[in-house]
Amino acid sequence: MKKLFLILALLPRLLLAQSAFQNGSIQNGQIGVAASGGGGGATWTLVAHTNASAAVSGGTATSGAIDTTGAKFLAVTLNWAGGGPVVFSDNKANTWTTSVNYTNNNPKVQWYFVTNATGGVGSGHTFSASCPGLKISFHVYAFSVTSGQPTVDVEAAGARTSSWLGNILSPGSLTPSTANDLFLSSVAWDVNTATTVTNNANFIYTEPLTFTGAGFMSGYKIHVGDASAENPGWLQFPTANDDADANHIAFKLQ
């Protein structure tokens, strides 16, 4: 009875997640528009999204080509297991900055980003990552902005659990310093059974990357004229307990 109640409670979130996908990827297009009254201002638009994974030891994950024309901000969340270092690059010669906080366990999760990519975007854009560890995967987001310079606003420390079943995994609340932030969150898990993962904060999130013994999801949320806090958490059901790590970060326009 308890399991049935949990499934019924989470069903609307699953349906919402499915509506965000088309042909296995997030639909491109305008996500936020300037609010009328009570704020407004600069906004973010998702230009393109892609992902890749390598489920073999020391493998290289390379994405298919996407068109990032018009994007100014690029963000990549990487998930890897084992050692390091991780080598990440794209074919447009962008210089990537890494988030300060990340989960230093297995699986590991970290964000990479470019805040002014206007000279390193365009058609045929590909991304590649490798690691001498067990597995590596990543999600790529390319955003244009109406005005302002993207910069890190607030970041949470990585969170980890070895008993994820039925528990919400979140690194903690993010309180932006201004309105119109872009919030990014990701989760990686290590499990050998099928699992369903949802986000409790109405993020638009990606199709999961899954392979034997592991999985990875991420998502984003755009505030428009709103500087309220976000506490994105990830919930898994219904499978056995397993290790999981999450990380999230917010960017502002200044």
C-alpha atoms as a PDB file:
ATOM      1  CA  MET A   1       0.000   0.000   0.000  1.00  0.00           C
ATOM      2  CA  LYS A   2       2.838   2.362   0.868  1.00  0.00           C
ATOM      3  CA  LYS A   3       4.551   1.720  -2.504  1.00  0.00           C
ATOM      4  CA  LEU A   4       1.267   2.343  -4.353  1.00  0.00           C
ATOM      5  CA  PHE A   5       0.813   5.693  -2.592  1.00  0.00           C
ATOM      6  CA  LEU A   6       4.393   6.735  -3.503  1.00  0.00           C
ATOM      7  CA  ILE A   7       3.914   5.831  -7.158  1.00  0.00           C
ATOM      8  CA  LEU A   8       0.580   7.700  -7.391  1.00  0.00           C
ATOM      9  CA  ALA A   9       2.124  10.758  -5.711  1.00  0.00           C
ATOM     10  CA  LEU A  10       4.995  10.897  -8.203  1.00  0.00           C
ATOM     11  CA  LEU A  11       3.019  10.089 -11.355  1.00  0.00           C
ATOM     12  CA  PRO A  12       2.300  13.772 -12.233  1.00  0.00           C
ATOM     13  CA  ARG A  13       6.041  14.526 -12.112  1.00  0.00           C
ATOM     14  CA  LEU A  14       6.791  11.675 -14.467  1.00  0.00           C
ATOM     15  CA  LEU A  15       4.159  12.892 -16.926  1.00  0.00           C
ATOM     16  CA  LEU A  16       5.601  16.413 -16.723  1.00  0.00           C
ATOM     17  CA  ALA A  17       9.078  15.097 -17.446  1.00  0.00           C
ATOM     18  CA  GLN A  18       7.872  13.152 -20.473  1.00  0.00           C
ATOM     19  CA  SER A  19       6.266  16.275 -21.930  1.00  0.00           C
ATOM     20  CA  ALA A  20       9.668  18.028 -21.880  1.00  0.00           C
ATOM     21  CA  PHE A  21      11.183  15.531 -24.313  1.00  0.00           C
ATOM     22  CA  GLN A  22      10.926  15.119 -28.053  1.00  0.00           C
ATOM     23  CA  ASN A  23      12.820  12.391 -29.885  1.00  0.00           C
ATOM     24  CA  GLY A  24      14.916  11.699 -26.774  1.00  0.00           C
ATOM     25  CA  SER A  25      16.112  15.239 -26.096  1.00  0.00           C
ATOM     26  CA  ILE A  26      14.866  18.494 -24.558  1.00  0.00           C
ATOM     27  CA  GLN A  27      12.882  20.599 -26.990  1.00  0.00           C
ATOM     28  CA  ASN A  28      14.714  23.755 -28.020  1.00  0.00           C
ATOM     29  CA  GLY A  29      13.011  27.116 -27.750  1.00  0.00           C
ATOM     30  CA  GLN A  30      12.170  30.025 -25.487  1.00  0.00           C
ATOM     31  CA  ILE A  31      11.756  28.854 -21.903  1.00  0.00           C
ATOM     32  CA  GLY A  32      11.540  32.166 -20.054  1.00  0.00           C
ATOM     33  CA  VAL A  33      10.198  35.536 -21.209  1.00  0.00           C
ATOM     34  CA  ALA A  34      10.311  38.908 -19.507  1.00  0.00           C
ATOM     35  CA  ALA A  35       7.704  39.046 -16.774  1.00  0.00           C
ATOM     36  CA  SER A  36       5.025  41.717 -16.913  1.00  0.00           C
ATOM     37  CA  GLY A  37       5.099  43.734 -13.696  1.00  0.00           C
ATOM     38  CA  GLY A  38       6.820  42.629 -10.506  1.00  0.00           C
ATOM     39  CA  GLY A  39      10.208  42.230 -12.146  1.00  0.00           C
ATOM     40  CA  GLY A  40      11.146  41.065 -15.633  1.00  0.00           C
ATOM     41  CA  GLY A  41      14.532  41.715 -17.169  1.00  0.00           C
ATOM     42  CA  ALA A  42      17.104  39.581 -18.917  1.00  0.00           C
ATOM     43  CA  THR A  43      16.234  35.975 -19.695  1.00  0.00           C
ATOM     44  CA  TRP A  44      17.824  32.761 -20.885  1.00  0.00           C
ATOM     45  CA  THR A  45      16.858  30.681 -23.928  1.00  0.00           C
ATOM     46  CA  LEU A  46      17.879  27.073 -24.454  1.00  0.00           C
ATOM     47  CA  VAL A  47      19.521  26.911 -27.889  1.00  0.00           C
ATOM     48  CA  ALA A  48      20.612  23.258 -27.984  1.00  0.00           C
ATOM     49  CA  HIS A  49      21.231  20.217 -25.827  1.00  0.00           C
ATOM     50  CA  THR A  50      23.106  16.947 -26.270  1.00  0.00           C
ATOM     51  CA  ASN A  51      24.738  14.160 -24.283  1.00  0.00           C
ATOM     52  CA  ALA A  52      27.144  11.238 -24.553  1.00  0.00           C
ATOM     53  CA  SER A  53      28.425   8.334 -22.472  1.00  0.00           C
ATOM     54  CA  ALA A  54      31.156   5.713 -22.446  1.00  0.00           C
ATOM     55  CA  ALA A  55      30.455   2.658 -20.328  1.00  0.00           C
ATOM     56  CA  VAL A  56      33.900   1.067 -20.572  1.00  0.00           C
ATOM     57  CA  SER A  57      37.012   1.591 -18.509  1.00  0.00           C
ATOM     58  CA  GLY A  58      39.090   4.451 -19.880  1.00  0.00           C
ATOM     59  CA  GLY A  59      36.606   5.073 -22.661  1.00  0.00           C
ATOM     60  CA  THR A  60      35.940   8.354 -24.441  1.00  0.00           C
ATOM     61  CA  ALA A  61      32.442   9.804 -24.668  1.00  0.00           C
ATOM     62  CA  THR A  62      31.833  11.952 -27.761  1.00  0.00           C
ATOM     63  CA  SER A  63      28.572  13.720 -28.552  1.00  0.00           C
ATOM     64  CA  GLY A  64      26.860  14.085 -31.865  1.00  0.00           C
ATOM     65  CA  ALA A  65      27.093  17.472 -33.576  1.00  0.00           C
ATOM     66  CA  ILE A  66      24.651  20.214 -32.550  1.00  0.00           C
ATOM     67  CA  ASP A  67      24.131  23.807 -33.686  1.00  0.00           C
ATOM     68  CA  THR A  68      24.964  26.238 -30.873  1.00  0.00           C
ATOM     69  CA  THR A  69      24.740  29.372 -33.033  1.00  0.00           C
ATOM     70  CA  GLY A  70      23.632  32.332 -30.919  1.00  0.00           C
ATOM     71  CA  ALA A  71      24.583  30.786 -27.584  1.00  0.00           C
ATOM     72  CA  LYS A  72      26.627  32.793 -25.094  1.00  0.00           C
ATOM     73  CA  PHE A  73      26.618  30.377 -22.160  1.00  0.00           C
ATOM     74  CA  LEU A  74      27.619  26.702 -22.269  1.00  0.00           C
ATOM     75  CA  ALA A  75      27.239  24.320 -19.334  1.00  0.00           C
ATOM     76  CA  VAL A  76      28.248  20.680 -19.090  1.00  0.00           C
ATOM     77  CA  THR A  77      27.652  18.335 -16.182  1.00  0.00           C
ATOM     78  CA  LEU A  78      29.973  15.328 -16.045  1.00  0.00           C
ATOM     79  CA  ASN A  79      29.552  12.053 -14.207  1.00  0.00           C
ATOM     80  CA  TRP A  80      32.457   9.652 -13.847  1.00  0.00           C
ATOM     81  CA  ALA A  81      33.577   6.766 -11.686  1.00  0.00           C
ATOM     82  CA  GLY A  82      37.054   5.748 -10.649  1.00  0.00           C
ATOM     83  CA  GLY A  83      40.117   7.941 -10.754  1.00  0.00           C
ATOM     84  CA  GLY A  84      41.019  10.890 -12.903  1.00  0.00           C
ATOM     85  CA  PRO A  85      41.828  13.333 -14.169  1.00  0.00           C
ATOM     86  CA  VAL A  86      38.871  13.995 -16.440  1.00  0.00           C
ATOM     87  CA  VAL A  87      39.727  15.477 -19.828  1.00  0.00           C
ATOM     88  CA  PHE A  88      36.900  17.504 -21.395  1.00  0.00           C
ATOM     89  CA  SER A  89      36.957  19.574 -24.582  1.00  0.00           C
ATOM     90  CA  ASP A  90      34.912  20.723 -27.548  1.00  0.00           C
ATOM     91  CA  ASN A  91      35.816  21.261 -31.189  1.00  0.00           C
ATOM     92  CA  LYS A  92      35.296  25.047 -30.944  1.00  0.00           C
ATOM     93  CA  ALA A  93      38.345  25.545 -28.685  1.00  0.00           C
ATOM     94  CA  ASN A  94      36.408  26.967 -25.728  1.00  0.00           C
ATOM     95  CA  THR A  95      38.138  27.356 -22.356  1.00  0.00           C
ATOM     96  CA  TRP A  96      36.130  25.591 -19.657  1.00  0.00           C
ATOM     97  CA  THR A  97      35.853  26.547 -15.984  1.00  0.00           C
ATOM     98  CA  THR A  98      34.945  23.925 -13.383  1.00  0.00           C
ATOM     99  CA  SER A  99      32.594  24.342 -10.460  1.00  0.00           C
ATOM    100  CA  VAL A 100      34.347  24.630  -7.105  1.00  0.00           C
ATOM    101  CA  ASN A 101      32.160  22.143  -5.311  1.00  0.00           C
ATOM    102  CA  TYR A 102      31.589  18.612  -6.523  1.00  0.00           C
ATOM    103  CA  THR A 103      31.079  15.127  -5.200  1.00  0.00           C
ATOM    104  CA  ASN A 104      34.448  13.493  -4.669  1.00  0.00           C
ATOM    105  CA  ASN A 105      33.118   9.942  -4.372  1.00  0.00           C
ATOM    106  CA  ASN A 106      31.939   7.327  -6.847  1.00  0.00           C
ATOM    107  CA  PRO A 107      30.023   8.297  -8.852  1.00  0.00           C
ATOM    108  CA  LYS A 108      31.425  11.823  -9.119  1.00  0.00           C
ATOM    109  CA  VAL A 109      29.416  14.802 -10.450  1.00  0.00           C
ATOM    110  CA  GLN A 110      30.789  18.211 -11.500  1.00  0.00           C
ATOM    111  CA  TRP A 111      29.771  21.173 -13.690  1.00  0.00           C
ATOM    112  CA  TYR A 112      31.940  22.707 -16.434  1.00  0.00           C
ATOM    113  CA  PHE A 113      30.932  26.017 -18.051  1.00  0.00           C
ATOM    114  CA  VAL A 114      31.839  28.814 -20.480  1.00  0.00           C
ATOM    115  CA  THR A 115      30.325  32.214 -19.659  1.00  0.00           C
ATOM    116  CA  ASN A 116      31.169  34.062 -22.880  1.00  0.00           C
ATOM    117  CA  ALA A 117      31.188  31.550 -25.729  1.00  0.00           C
ATOM    118  CA  THR A 118      30.170  33.862 -28.568  1.00  0.00           C
ATOM    119  CA  GLY A 119      33.382  33.101 -30.464  1.00  0.00           C
ATOM    120  CA  GLY A 120      33.215  29.358 -29.843  1.00  0.00           C
ATOM    121  CA  VAL A 121      29.759  28.334 -31.022  1.00  0.00           C
ATOM    122  CA  GLY A 122      28.148  27.361 -34.309  1.00  0.00           C
ATOM    123  CA  SER A 123      27.020  24.409 -36.378  1.00  0.00           C
ATOM    124  CA  GLY A 124      28.797  21.066 -36.116  1.00  0.00           C
ATOM    125  CA  HIS A 125      29.581  21.629 -32.433  1.00  0.00           C
ATOM    126  CA  THR A 126      30.773  18.434 -30.704  1.00  0.00           C
ATOM    127  CA  PHE A 127      31.957  17.636 -27.182  1.00  0.00           C
ATOM    128  CA  SER A 128      34.228  14.928 -25.808  1.00  0.00           C
ATOM    129  CA  ALA A 129      35.221  13.591 -22.374  1.00  0.00           C
ATOM    130  CA  SER A 130      37.524  10.833 -21.186  1.00  0.00           C
ATOM    131  CA  CYS A 131      38.694   9.444 -17.869  1.00  0.00           C
ATOM    132  CA  PRO A 132      40.919   6.511 -16.858  1.00  0.00           C
ATOM    133  CA  GLY A 133      38.160   5.425 -14.471  1.00  0.00           C
ATOM    134  CA  LEU A 134      35.300   3.038 -15.087  1.00  0.00           C
ATOM    135  CA  LYS A 135      32.655   5.123 -16.873  1.00  0.00           C
ATOM    136  CA  ILE A 136      32.023   8.696 -17.956  1.00  0.00           C
ATOM    137  CA  SER A 137      28.973  10.538 -19.279  1.00  0.00           C
ATOM    138  CA  PHE A 138      27.860  14.127 -19.720  1.00  0.00           C
ATOM    139  CA  HIS A 139      24.998  16.462 -20.615  1.00  0.00           C
ATOM    140  CA  VAL A 140      25.558  19.711 -22.549  1.00  0.00           C
ATOM    141  CA  TYR A 141      23.349  22.823 -22.407  1.00  0.00           C
ATOM    142  CA  ALA A 142      23.782  25.867 -24.673  1.00  0.00           C
ATOM    143  CA  PHE A 143      21.885  29.051 -23.763  1.00  0.00           C
ATOM    144  CA  SER A 144      21.542  32.461 -25.366  1.00  0.00           C
ATOM    145  CA  VAL A 145      20.774  35.507 -23.210  1.00  0.00           C
ATOM    146  CA  THR A 146      18.853  38.675 -24.000  1.00  0.00           C
ATOM    147  CA  SER A 147      21.372  40.875 -22.171  1.00  0.00           C
ATOM    148  CA  GLY A 148      24.013  40.794 -19.464  1.00  0.00           C
ATOM    149  CA  GLN A 149      27.035  38.643 -18.704  1.00  0.00           C
ATOM    150  CA  PRO A 150      26.511  35.140 -17.245  1.00  0.00           C
ATOM    151  CA  THR A 151      28.451  34.540 -14.043  1.00  0.00           C
ATOM    152  CA  VAL A 152      28.295  32.160 -11.088  1.00  0.00           C
ATOM    153  CA  ASP A 153      25.811  33.387  -8.496  1.00  0.00           C
ATOM    154  CA  VAL A 154      25.652  30.645  -5.859  1.00  0.00           C
ATOM    155  CA  GLU A 155      26.840  27.056  -5.608  1.00  0.00           C
ATOM    156  CA  ALA A 156      26.033  24.186  -3.257  1.00  0.00           C
ATOM    157  CA  ALA A 157      28.427  21.553  -2.019  1.00  0.00           C
ATOM    158  CA  GLY A 158      27.956  18.109  -3.485  1.00  0.00           C
ATOM    159  CA  ALA A 159      25.686  15.681  -1.639  1.00  0.00           C
ATOM    160  CA  ARG A 160      25.995  11.912  -1.348  1.00  0.00           C
ATOM    161  CA  THR A 161      23.938   9.036   0.008  1.00  0.00           C
ATOM    162  CA  SER A 162      24.339   5.269   0.143  1.00  0.00           C
ATOM    163  CA  SER A 163      20.633   4.774   0.944  1.00  0.00           C
ATOM    164  CA  TRP A 164      18.828   6.651  -1.796  1.00  0.00           C
ATOM    165  CA  LEU A 165      15.636   4.584  -1.918  1.00  0.00           C
ATOM    166  CA  GLY A 166      12.666   6.710  -0.852  1.00  0.00           C
ATOM    167  CA  ASN A 167      14.859   9.658   0.166  1.00  0.00           C
ATOM    168  CA  ILE A 168      15.270  13.007  -1.577  1.00  0.00           C
ATOM    169  CA  LEU A 169      18.922  13.716  -2.386  1.00  0.00           C
ATOM    170  CA  SER A 170      19.821  17.422  -2.452  1.00  0.00           C
ATOM    171  CA  PRO A 171      23.022  19.370  -1.716  1.00  0.00           C
ATOM    172  CA  GLY A 172      20.862  22.074  -0.101  1.00  0.00           C
ATOM    173  CA  SER A 173      19.018  25.277  -0.890  1.00  0.00           C
ATOM    174  CA  LEU A 174      20.330  27.882  -3.353  1.00  0.00           C
ATOM    175  CA  THR A 175      19.348  31.500  -2.630  1.00  0.00           C
ATOM    176  CA  PRO A 176      20.104  33.760  -5.606  1.00  0.00           C
ATOM    177  CA  SER A 177      21.420  37.293  -5.119  1.00  0.00           C
ATOM    178  CA  THR A 178      19.185  38.636  -7.891  1.00  0.00           C
ATOM    179  CA  ALA A 179      16.223  37.737 -10.088  1.00  0.00           C
ATOM    180  CA  ASN A 180      16.354  35.803 -13.374  1.00  0.00           C
ATOM    181  CA  ASP A 181      18.891  33.153 -12.357  1.00  0.00           C
ATOM    182  CA  LEU A 182      19.498  29.941 -14.293  1.00  0.00           C
ATOM    183  CA  PHE A 183      19.577  26.924 -11.954  1.00  0.00           C
ATOM    184  CA  LEU A 184      21.340  23.708 -12.965  1.00  0.00           C
ATOM    185  CA  SER A 185      21.197  20.399 -11.098  1.00  0.00           C
ATOM    186  CA  SER A 186      22.432  16.866 -11.771  1.00  0.00           C
ATOM    187  CA  VAL A 187      22.453  13.441 -10.132  1.00  0.00           C
ATOM    188  CA  ALA A 188      24.389  10.232 -10.759  1.00  0.00           C
ATOM    189  CA  TRP A 189      23.706   6.816  -9.298  1.00  0.00           C
ATOM    190  CA  ASP A 190      25.327   3.424  -9.104  1.00  0.00           C
ATOM    191  CA  VAL A 191      22.778   0.627  -9.259  1.00  0.00           C
ATOM    192  CA  ASN A 192      22.348  -2.632 -11.115  1.00  0.00           C
ATOM    193  CA  THR A 193      18.560  -2.571 -11.349  1.00  0.00           C
ATOM    194  CA  ALA A 194      16.123  -0.484 -13.356  1.00  0.00           C
ATOM    195  CA  THR A 195      15.250   2.793 -11.663  1.00  0.00           C
ATOM    196  CA  THR A 196      13.010   5.823 -12.179  1.00  0.00           C
ATOM    197  CA  VAL A 197      14.291   9.245 -11.124  1.00  0.00           C
ATOM    198  CA  THR A 198      12.325  12.461 -10.724  1.00  0.00           C
ATOM    199  CA  ASN A 199      13.110  16.035  -9.633  1.00  0.00           C
ATOM    200  CA  ASN A 200      11.011  17.625  -6.893  1.00  0.00           C
ATOM    201  CA  ALA A 201      11.467  21.270  -7.934  1.00  0.00           C
ATOM    202  CA  ASN A 202       9.766  21.321 -11.370  1.00  0.00           C
ATOM    203  CA  PHE A 203      13.038  21.427 -13.254  1.00  0.00           C
ATOM    204  CA  ILE A 204      12.978  20.691 -16.978  1.00  0.00           C
ATOM    205  CA  TYR A 205      15.188  17.639 -17.004  1.00  0.00           C
ATOM    206  CA  THR A 206      16.894  15.450 -19.519  1.00  0.00           C
ATOM    207  CA  GLU A 207      16.424  11.894 -20.591  1.00  0.00           C
ATOM    208  CA  PRO A 208      18.535   9.674 -18.333  1.00  0.00           C
ATOM    209  CA  LEU A 209      21.786   8.169 -19.536  1.00  0.00           C
ATOM    210  CA  THR A 210      21.758   4.597 -18.260  1.00  0.00           C
ATOM    211  CA  PHE A 211      24.057   1.644 -18.694  1.00  0.00           C
ATOM    212  CA  THR A 212      24.968  -1.440 -16.696  1.00  0.00           C
ATOM    213  CA  GLY A 213      25.474  -0.454 -13.094  1.00  0.00           C
ATOM    214  CA  ALA A 214      25.018   3.310 -13.406  1.00  0.00           C
ATOM    215  CA  GLY A 215      22.775   6.194 -14.453  1.00  0.00           C
ATOM    216  CA  PHE A 216      22.871   9.987 -14.831  1.00  0.00           C
ATOM    217  CA  MET A 217      20.313  12.811 -15.134  1.00  0.00           C
ATOM    218  CA  SER A 218      20.371  16.605 -15.039  1.00  0.00           C
ATOM    219  CA  GLY A 219      18.021  19.523 -15.457  1.00  0.00           C
ATOM    220  CA  TYR A 220      17.550  23.279 -15.392  1.00  0.00           C
ATOM    221  CA  LYS A 221      15.093  25.907 -14.215  1.00  0.00           C
ATOM    222  CA  ILE A 222      14.887  29.578 -15.213  1.00  0.00           C
ATOM    223  CA  HIS A 223      13.602  32.277 -12.879  1.00  0.00           C
ATOM    224  CA  VAL A 224      11.908  35.268 -14.491  1.00  0.00           C
ATOM    225  CA  GLY A 225      11.602  38.315 -12.239  1.00  0.00           C
ATOM    226  CA  ASP A 226      12.003  36.011  -9.256  1.00  0.00           C
ATOM    227  CA  ALA A 227      14.801  35.853  -6.671  1.00  0.00           C
ATOM    228  CA  SER A 228      13.344  33.127  -4.462  1.00  0.00           C
ATOM    229  CA  ALA A 229      15.420  30.188  -3.228  1.00  0.00           C
ATOM    230  CA  GLU A 230      15.468  26.797  -4.938  1.00  0.00           C
ATOM    231  CA  ASN A 231      16.147  23.455  -3.275  1.00  0.00           C
ATOM    232  CA  PRO A 232      16.256  20.953  -6.146  1.00  0.00           C
ATOM    233  CA  GLY A 233      16.264  17.373  -4.977  1.00  0.00           C
ATOM    234  CA  TRP A 234      16.255  14.028  -6.749  1.00  0.00           C
ATOM    235  CA  LEU A 235      14.049  11.080  -5.807  1.00  0.00           C
ATOM    236  CA  GLN A 236      14.439   7.497  -6.972  1.00  0.00           C
ATOM    237  CA  PHE A 237      11.840   4.705  -6.904  1.00  0.00           C
ATOM    238  CA  PRO A 238      11.154   1.802  -6.623  1.00  0.00           C
ATOM    239  CA  THR A 239      14.390  -0.185  -6.462  1.00  0.00           C
ATOM    240  CA  ALA A 240      17.078  -1.213  -4.004  1.00  0.00           C
ATOM    241  CA  ASN A 241      19.239   1.206  -2.049  1.00  0.00           C
ATOM    242  CA  ASP A 242      22.262   2.424  -3.945  1.00  0.00           C
ATOM    243  CA  ASP A 243      24.972   5.091  -3.959  1.00  0.00           C
ATOM    244  CA  ALA A 244      24.053   8.447  -5.482  1.00  0.00           C
ATOM    245  CA  ASP A 245      25.621  11.896  -5.768  1.00  0.00           C
ATOM    246  CA  ALA A 246      24.071  15.267  -6.680  1.00  0.00           C
ATOM    247  CA  ASN A 247      25.336  18.768  -7.369  1.00  0.00           C
ATOM    248  CA  HIS A 248      23.740  22.066  -8.312  1.00  0.00           C
ATOM    249  CA  ILE A 249      24.722  25.617  -9.192  1.00  0.00           C
ATOM    250  CA  ALA A 250      23.012  28.908 -10.178  1.00  0.00           C
ATOM    251  CA  PHE A 251      24.125  31.563 -12.661  1.00  0.00           C
ATOM    252  CA  LYS A 252      23.059  35.198 -12.853  1.00  0.00           C
ATOM    253  CA  LEU A 253      23.141  37.869 -15.548  1.00  0.00           C
ATOM    254  CA  GLN A 254      24.976  41.037 -14.622  1.00  0.00           C
END
